[in-house]
Amino acid sequence: MAERWTRQRRVEQTRTLLLDAAEEVVARLGFGAASLEVIADAAGYSRGAIYSHFGTKEALFLAVMERQLERFLGGFTDIVDSFRAYNDLDVDKLAERWRELTIGGPERAALGYEFTLFLLRNPEARQQIAAQRQQTANSLADYIAAHLTHVGGRLRLPETTVARLLIATHEGVTLASHIDGEDLYRAFLELVLANVEPIGAESHSSGAVSTSGS
């Protein structure tokens, strides 16, 4: 018996196809040249579908970036869950997974730069989605805090600050590693994990995170 599609399922399917199309078109043409008509046509819909589900091109692409972040974090789930205590944190495992998740897809990291440059040049659009960008940072901060608490660790810097730094630098590390042929993943993660300490430690204490590859 064919599965019955509910209205919610249809809405989710339409959103998914529009997000897929936006990701593909912007990666190929750049954010400025990726018109709503081209994106909608690639998804098999009219431009009105984008307005109906996202409202604006900026909101559509922000949803693309949020989905990418969710998928990226999801790719670390098994490794993060394998860390049971603070001393289990292993920068080599994290760097290797980051490397695996980005191999063959530097154009996806370029999407973030495309959007960042657009917002830099368009203050009105930046203001319109400022709250959504803050929510993305808050969600990542909650993810970081929850997993660190699970292993008995904490950040020396505020979680939201670290989340914003990670969002701002992820594309740069990925693209620079690809362009220059130099693996920067591990070095960057060492900088991040240097700001992690066991719960109850003094703020100036040195970390004990595993860096076996150094």
C-alpha atoms as a PDB file:
ATOM      1  CA  MET A   1       0.000   0.000   0.000  1.00  0.00           C
ATOM      2  CA  ALA A   2       1.408   3.404  -0.973  1.00  0.00           C
ATOM      3  CA  GLU A   3       2.256   5.616   1.976  1.00  0.00           C
ATOM      4  CA  ARG A   4      -0.233   8.421   2.396  1.00  0.00           C
ATOM      5  CA  TRP A   5       1.366  11.848   2.228  1.00  0.00           C
ATOM      6  CA  THR A   6       0.096  14.287   4.817  1.00  0.00           C
ATOM      7  CA  ARG A   7       0.163  18.017   4.270  1.00  0.00           C
ATOM      8  CA  GLN A   8       3.140  18.249   6.613  1.00  0.00           C
ATOM      9  CA  ARG A   9       5.036  15.652   4.589  1.00  0.00           C
ATOM     10  CA  ARG A  10       4.356  17.600   1.389  1.00  0.00           C
ATOM     11  CA  VAL A  11       5.553  20.826   3.000  1.00  0.00           C
ATOM     12  CA  GLU A  12       8.723  19.148   4.233  1.00  0.00           C
ATOM     13  CA  GLN A  13       9.361  17.651   0.802  1.00  0.00           C
ATOM     14  CA  THR A  14       8.932  21.016  -0.908  1.00  0.00           C
ATOM     15  CA  ARG A  15      11.266  22.720   1.571  1.00  0.00           C
ATOM     16  CA  THR A  16      13.876  20.003   1.102  1.00  0.00           C
ATOM     17  CA  LEU A  17      13.805  20.303  -2.690  1.00  0.00           C
ATOM     18  CA  LEU A  18      14.057  24.092  -2.511  1.00  0.00           C
ATOM     19  CA  LEU A  19      16.995  23.888  -0.090  1.00  0.00           C
ATOM     20  CA  ASP A  20      18.737  21.305  -2.276  1.00  0.00           C
ATOM     21  CA  ALA A  21      18.270  23.491  -5.327  1.00  0.00           C
ATOM     22  CA  ALA A  22      19.471  26.641  -3.569  1.00  0.00           C
ATOM     23  CA  GLU A  23      22.584  24.853  -2.335  1.00  0.00           C
ATOM     24  CA  GLU A  24      23.409  23.508  -5.799  1.00  0.00           C
ATOM     25  CA  VAL A  25      22.695  26.723  -7.705  1.00  0.00           C
ATOM     26  CA  VAL A  26      24.549  29.030  -5.313  1.00  0.00           C
ATOM     27  CA  ALA A  27      27.541  26.685  -5.236  1.00  0.00           C
ATOM     28  CA  ARG A  28      27.624  26.840  -9.044  1.00  0.00           C
ATOM     29  CA  LEU A  29      26.753  30.485  -9.713  1.00  0.00           C
ATOM     30  CA  GLY A  30      27.453  32.364  -6.488  1.00  0.00           C
ATOM     31  CA  PHE A  31      24.882  33.976  -4.221  1.00  0.00           C
ATOM     32  CA  GLY A  32      24.487  37.201  -6.195  1.00  0.00           C
ATOM     33  CA  ALA A  33      23.907  35.465  -9.536  1.00  0.00           C
ATOM     34  CA  ALA A  34      21.622  32.765  -8.129  1.00  0.00           C
ATOM     35  CA  SER A  35      18.198  34.236  -8.901  1.00  0.00           C
ATOM     36  CA  LEU A  36      15.020  32.963  -7.293  1.00  0.00           C
ATOM     37  CA  GLU A  37      13.760  31.957 -10.725  1.00  0.00           C
ATOM     38  CA  VAL A  38      16.780  29.731 -11.369  1.00  0.00           C
ATOM     39  CA  ILE A  39      16.590  28.175  -7.900  1.00  0.00           C
ATOM     40  CA  ALA A  40      12.852  27.547  -8.155  1.00  0.00           C
ATOM     41  CA  ASP A  41      13.195  26.063 -11.643  1.00  0.00           C
ATOM     42  CA  ALA A  42      15.976  23.731 -10.473  1.00  0.00           C
ATOM     43  CA  ALA A  43      13.657  22.500  -7.718  1.00  0.00           C
ATOM     44  CA  GLY A  44      10.716  22.093 -10.079  1.00  0.00           C
ATOM     45  CA  TYR A  45       8.623  24.871  -8.522  1.00  0.00           C
ATOM     46  CA  SER A  46       7.676  28.469  -9.177  1.00  0.00           C
ATOM     47  CA  ARG A  47       9.276  31.440  -7.462  1.00  0.00           C
ATOM     48  CA  GLY A  48       6.117  31.740  -5.401  1.00  0.00           C
ATOM     49  CA  ALA A  49       7.011  28.512  -3.595  1.00  0.00           C
ATOM     50  CA  ILE A  50      10.157  30.161  -2.229  1.00  0.00           C
ATOM     51  CA  TYR A  51       8.164  33.151  -1.018  1.00  0.00           C
ATOM     52  CA  SER A  52       5.597  30.834   0.538  1.00  0.00           C
ATOM     53  CA  HIS A  53       8.093  28.683   2.433  1.00  0.00           C
ATOM     54  CA  PHE A  54      10.926  31.109   3.196  1.00  0.00           C
ATOM     55  CA  GLY A  55       9.807  34.639   2.394  1.00  0.00           C
ATOM     56  CA  THR A  56      13.083  35.965   0.986  1.00  0.00           C
ATOM     57  CA  LYS A  57      16.186  34.753  -0.789  1.00  0.00           C
ATOM     58  CA  GLU A  58      18.209  35.653   2.294  1.00  0.00           C
ATOM     59  CA  ALA A  59      16.001  33.562   4.576  1.00  0.00           C
ATOM     60  CA  LEU A  60      16.178  30.675   2.113  1.00  0.00           C
ATOM     61  CA  PHE A  61      19.944  30.698   2.082  1.00  0.00           C
ATOM     62  CA  LEU A  62      20.176  31.089   5.840  1.00  0.00           C
ATOM     63  CA  ALA A  63      18.089  27.912   6.051  1.00  0.00           C
ATOM     64  CA  VAL A  64      20.604  26.262   3.694  1.00  0.00           C
ATOM     65  CA  MET A  65      23.462  27.235   6.006  1.00  0.00           C
ATOM     66  CA  GLU A  66      21.594  26.060   9.103  1.00  0.00           C
ATOM     67  CA  ARG A  67      20.944  22.696   7.473  1.00  0.00           C
ATOM     68  CA  GLN A  68      24.601  22.402   6.566  1.00  0.00           C
ATOM     69  CA  LEU A  69      25.561  23.110  10.165  1.00  0.00           C
ATOM     70  CA  GLU A  70      23.133  20.455  11.434  1.00  0.00           C
ATOM     71  CA  ARG A  71      24.528  17.889   9.007  1.00  0.00           C
ATOM     72  CA  PHE A  72      28.104  18.818   9.881  1.00  0.00           C
ATOM     73  CA  LEU A  73      27.503  18.441  13.613  1.00  0.00           C
ATOM     74  CA  GLY A  74      25.594  15.230  13.003  1.00  0.00           C
ATOM     75  CA  GLY A  75      28.675  13.842  11.315  1.00  0.00           C
ATOM     76  CA  PHE A  76      30.531  14.053  14.628  1.00  0.00           C
ATOM     77  CA  THR A  77      27.845  12.347  16.712  1.00  0.00           C
ATOM     78  CA  ASP A  78      29.439   8.917  16.957  1.00  0.00           C
ATOM     79  CA  ILE A  79      32.861  10.338  17.850  1.00  0.00           C
ATOM     80  CA  VAL A  80      31.530  12.842  20.365  1.00  0.00           C
ATOM     81  CA  ASP A  81      29.386  10.159  21.995  1.00  0.00           C
ATOM     82  CA  SER A  82      32.456   7.939  22.340  1.00  0.00           C
ATOM     83  CA  PHE A  83      34.057  10.483  24.686  1.00  0.00           C
ATOM     84  CA  ARG A  84      33.000   9.480  28.196  1.00  0.00           C
ATOM     85  CA  ALA A  85      35.285  11.734  30.245  1.00  0.00           C
ATOM     86  CA  TYR A  86      37.287  14.924  29.842  1.00  0.00           C
ATOM     87  CA  ASN A  87      40.552  13.062  29.235  1.00  0.00           C
ATOM     88  CA  ASP A  88      38.893  11.109  26.399  1.00  0.00           C
ATOM     89  CA  LEU A  89      38.664  14.215  24.201  1.00  0.00           C
ATOM     90  CA  ASP A  90      40.882  13.436  21.230  1.00  0.00           C
ATOM     91  CA  VAL A  91      41.825  16.176  18.782  1.00  0.00           C
ATOM     92  CA  ASP A  92      43.109  13.648  16.230  1.00  0.00           C
ATOM     93  CA  LYS A  93      39.765  11.870  15.981  1.00  0.00           C
ATOM     94  CA  LEU A  94      37.901  15.166  15.663  1.00  0.00           C
ATOM     95  CA  ALA A  95      40.293  16.499  13.013  1.00  0.00           C
ATOM     96  CA  GLU A  96      40.102  13.293  10.981  1.00  0.00           C
ATOM     97  CA  ARG A  97      36.310  13.394  10.949  1.00  0.00           C
ATOM     98  CA  TRP A  98      36.265  17.078   9.953  1.00  0.00           C
ATOM     99  CA  ARG A  99      38.631  16.206   7.131  1.00  0.00           C
ATOM    100  CA  GLU A 100      36.393  13.349   6.003  1.00  0.00           C
ATOM    101  CA  LEU A 101      33.290  15.537   6.046  1.00  0.00           C
ATOM    102  CA  THR A 102      34.830  18.199   3.806  1.00  0.00           C
ATOM    103  CA  ILE A 103      36.916  16.155   1.345  1.00  0.00           C
ATOM    104  CA  GLY A 104      35.647  16.612  -2.187  1.00  0.00           C
ATOM    105  CA  GLY A 105      33.312  19.452  -1.275  1.00  0.00           C
ATOM    106  CA  PRO A 106      35.202  22.758  -0.888  1.00  0.00           C
ATOM    107  CA  GLU A 107      32.475  24.486  -2.888  1.00  0.00           C
ATOM    108  CA  ARG A 108      30.129  23.877   0.020  1.00  0.00           C
ATOM    109  CA  ALA A 109      32.434  25.873   2.293  1.00  0.00           C
ATOM    110  CA  ALA A 110      32.477  28.609  -0.347  1.00  0.00           C
ATOM    111  CA  LEU A 111      28.712  28.938   0.127  1.00  0.00           C
ATOM    112  CA  GLY A 112      29.302  30.433   3.558  1.00  0.00           C
ATOM    113  CA  TYR A 113      31.692  33.012   2.171  1.00  0.00           C
ATOM    114  CA  GLU A 114      29.219  33.913  -0.560  1.00  0.00           C
ATOM    115  CA  PHE A 115      26.526  34.602   1.997  1.00  0.00           C
ATOM    116  CA  THR A 116      28.852  36.452   4.377  1.00  0.00           C
ATOM    117  CA  LEU A 117      29.977  38.814   1.628  1.00  0.00           C
ATOM    118  CA  PHE A 118      26.389  39.436   0.586  1.00  0.00           C
ATOM    119  CA  LEU A 119      25.400  40.374   4.140  1.00  0.00           C
ATOM    120  CA  LEU A 120      28.475  42.588   4.484  1.00  0.00           C
ATOM    121  CA  ARG A 121      27.376  44.552   1.440  1.00  0.00           C
ATOM    122  CA  ASN A 122      23.660  44.629   2.310  1.00  0.00           C
ATOM    123  CA  PRO A 123      22.980  46.074   5.789  1.00  0.00           C
ATOM    124  CA  GLU A 124      19.202  45.830   5.352  1.00  0.00           C
ATOM    125  CA  ALA A 125      19.330  42.098   4.655  1.00  0.00           C
ATOM    126  CA  ARG A 126      21.769  41.681   7.531  1.00  0.00           C
ATOM    127  CA  GLN A 127      19.344  43.329   9.900  1.00  0.00           C
ATOM    128  CA  GLN A 128      16.412  41.245   8.653  1.00  0.00           C
ATOM    129  CA  ILE A 129      18.034  37.940   9.554  1.00  0.00           C
ATOM    130  CA  ALA A 130      20.109  39.035  12.564  1.00  0.00           C
ATOM    131  CA  ALA A 131      17.767  37.251  14.981  1.00  0.00           C
ATOM    132  CA  GLN A 132      17.954  34.019  12.973  1.00  0.00           C
ATOM    133  CA  ARG A 133      21.754  34.152  12.902  1.00  0.00           C
ATOM    134  CA  GLN A 134      21.764  34.658  16.654  1.00  0.00           C
ATOM    135  CA  GLN A 135      19.516  31.627  17.069  1.00  0.00           C
ATOM    136  CA  THR A 136      21.919  29.539  15.001  1.00  0.00           C
ATOM    137  CA  ALA A 137      24.796  30.598  17.248  1.00  0.00           C
ATOM    138  CA  ASN A 138      22.714  29.857  20.345  1.00  0.00           C
ATOM    139  CA  SER A 139      21.865  26.370  19.080  1.00  0.00           C
ATOM    140  CA  LEU A 140      25.536  25.590  18.428  1.00  0.00           C
ATOM    141  CA  ALA A 141      26.447  26.975  21.853  1.00  0.00           C
ATOM    142  CA  ASP A 142      23.882  24.675  23.480  1.00  0.00           C
ATOM    143  CA  TYR A 143      25.312  21.713  21.524  1.00  0.00           C
ATOM    144  CA  ILE A 144      28.839  22.508  22.701  1.00  0.00           C
ATOM    145  CA  ALA A 145      27.833  23.082  26.314  1.00  0.00           C
ATOM    146  CA  ALA A 146      25.765  19.900  26.513  1.00  0.00           C
ATOM    147  CA  HIS A 147      28.516  17.659  25.139  1.00  0.00           C
ATOM    148  CA  LEU A 148      31.243  19.225  27.257  1.00  0.00           C
ATOM    149  CA  THR A 149      29.127  18.892  30.386  1.00  0.00           C
ATOM    150  CA  HIS A 150      28.609  15.225  29.513  1.00  0.00           C
ATOM    151  CA  VAL A 151      32.373  14.598  29.682  1.00  0.00           C
ATOM    152  CA  GLY A 152      32.950  16.865  32.669  1.00  0.00           C
ATOM    153  CA  GLY A 153      34.417  19.780  30.758  1.00  0.00           C
ATOM    154  CA  ARG A 154      33.695  23.431  30.229  1.00  0.00           C
ATOM    155  CA  LEU A 155      34.870  26.341  28.086  1.00  0.00           C
ATOM    156  CA  ARG A 156      36.925  29.182  29.461  1.00  0.00           C
ATOM    157  CA  LEU A 157      35.179  31.520  27.024  1.00  0.00           C
ATOM    158  CA  PRO A 158      31.389  31.975  26.831  1.00  0.00           C
ATOM    159  CA  GLU A 159      29.790  29.201  24.756  1.00  0.00           C
ATOM    160  CA  THR A 160      28.061  31.665  22.432  1.00  0.00           C
ATOM    161  CA  THR A 161      31.342  33.445  21.736  1.00  0.00           C
ATOM    162  CA  VAL A 162      33.010  30.156  20.824  1.00  0.00           C
ATOM    163  CA  ALA A 163      30.011  29.190  18.693  1.00  0.00           C
ATOM    164  CA  ARG A 164      30.246  32.429  16.726  1.00  0.00           C
ATOM    165  CA  LEU A 165      33.993  31.948  16.279  1.00  0.00           C
ATOM    166  CA  LEU A 166      33.444  28.428  14.968  1.00  0.00           C
ATOM    167  CA  ILE A 167      30.758  29.572  12.534  1.00  0.00           C
ATOM    168  CA  ALA A 168      32.959  32.431  11.338  1.00  0.00           C
ATOM    169  CA  THR A 169      36.099  30.352  10.827  1.00  0.00           C
ATOM    170  CA  HIS A 170      34.825  26.965   9.636  1.00  0.00           C
ATOM    171  CA  GLU A 171      34.708  27.928   5.962  1.00  0.00           C
ATOM    172  CA  GLY A 172      38.089  29.663   6.141  1.00  0.00           C
ATOM    173  CA  VAL A 173      39.854  26.635   7.587  1.00  0.00           C
ATOM    174  CA  THR A 174      38.240  24.328   5.042  1.00  0.00           C
ATOM    175  CA  LEU A 175      38.998  26.526   2.035  1.00  0.00           C
ATOM    176  CA  ALA A 176      42.552  27.383   3.094  1.00  0.00           C
ATOM    177  CA  SER A 177      43.313  23.704   3.640  1.00  0.00           C
ATOM    178  CA  HIS A 178      42.013  22.953   0.152  1.00  0.00           C
ATOM    179  CA  ILE A 179      43.659  25.886  -1.653  1.00  0.00           C
ATOM    180  CA  ASP A 180      47.081  25.681  -0.015  1.00  0.00           C
ATOM    181  CA  GLY A 181      47.182  21.912   0.321  1.00  0.00           C
ATOM    182  CA  GLU A 182      48.028  22.250   4.011  1.00  0.00           C
ATOM    183  CA  ASP A 183      45.920  20.471   6.610  1.00  0.00           C
ATOM    184  CA  LEU A 184      44.781  23.114   9.112  1.00  0.00           C
ATOM    185  CA  TYR A 185      41.999  21.101  10.757  1.00  0.00           C
ATOM    186  CA  ARG A 186      44.028  19.670  13.600  1.00  0.00           C
ATOM    187  CA  ALA A 187      45.873  22.890  14.375  1.00  0.00           C
ATOM    188  CA  PHE A 188      42.628  24.831  14.505  1.00  0.00           C
ATOM    189  CA  LEU A 189      40.975  22.273  16.766  1.00  0.00           C
ATOM    190  CA  GLU A 190      43.957  22.402  19.091  1.00  0.00           C
ATOM    191  CA  LEU A 191      43.352  26.137  19.465  1.00  0.00           C
ATOM    192  CA  VAL A 192      39.687  25.503  20.240  1.00  0.00           C
ATOM    193  CA  LEU A 193      40.308  22.658  22.700  1.00  0.00           C
ATOM    194  CA  ALA A 194      42.972  24.696  24.452  1.00  0.00           C
ATOM    195  CA  ASN A 195      40.026  26.674  25.823  1.00  0.00           C
ATOM    196  CA  VAL A 196      38.422  23.572  27.329  1.00  0.00           C
ATOM    197  CA  GLU A 197      39.121  22.621  30.922  1.00  0.00           C
ATOM    198  CA  PRO A 198      37.704  20.099  33.394  1.00  0.00           C
ATOM    199  CA  ILE A 199      34.783  21.312  35.481  1.00  0.00           C
ATOM    200  CA  GLY A 200      36.031  22.588  38.799  1.00  0.00           C
ATOM    201  CA  ALA A 201      39.470  23.554  37.482  1.00  0.00           C
ATOM    202  CA  GLU A 202      40.871  27.027  38.003  1.00  0.00           C
ATOM    203  CA  SER A 203      40.397  29.260  34.971  1.00  0.00           C
ATOM    204  CA  HIS A 204      44.163  29.466  34.423  1.00  0.00           C
ATOM    205  CA  SER A 205      44.763  25.719  34.595  1.00  0.00           C
ATOM    206  CA  SER A 206      46.324  23.937  31.641  1.00  0.00           C
ATOM    207  CA  GLY A 207      44.227  21.500  29.625  1.00  0.00           C
ATOM    208  CA  ALA A 208      44.714  17.755  29.467  1.00  0.00           C
ATOM    209  CA  VAL A 209      43.040  17.104  26.153  1.00  0.00           C
ATOM    210  CA  SER A 210      44.643  14.315  24.154  1.00  0.00           C
ATOM    211  CA  THR A 211      46.856  15.598  21.349  1.00  0.00           C
ATOM    212  CA  SER A 212      48.622  12.374  20.551  1.00  0.00           C
ATOM    213  CA  GLY A 213      49.561  13.438  17.063  1.00  0.00           C
ATOM    214  CA  SER A 214      51.693  16.367  18.205  1.00  0.00           C
END
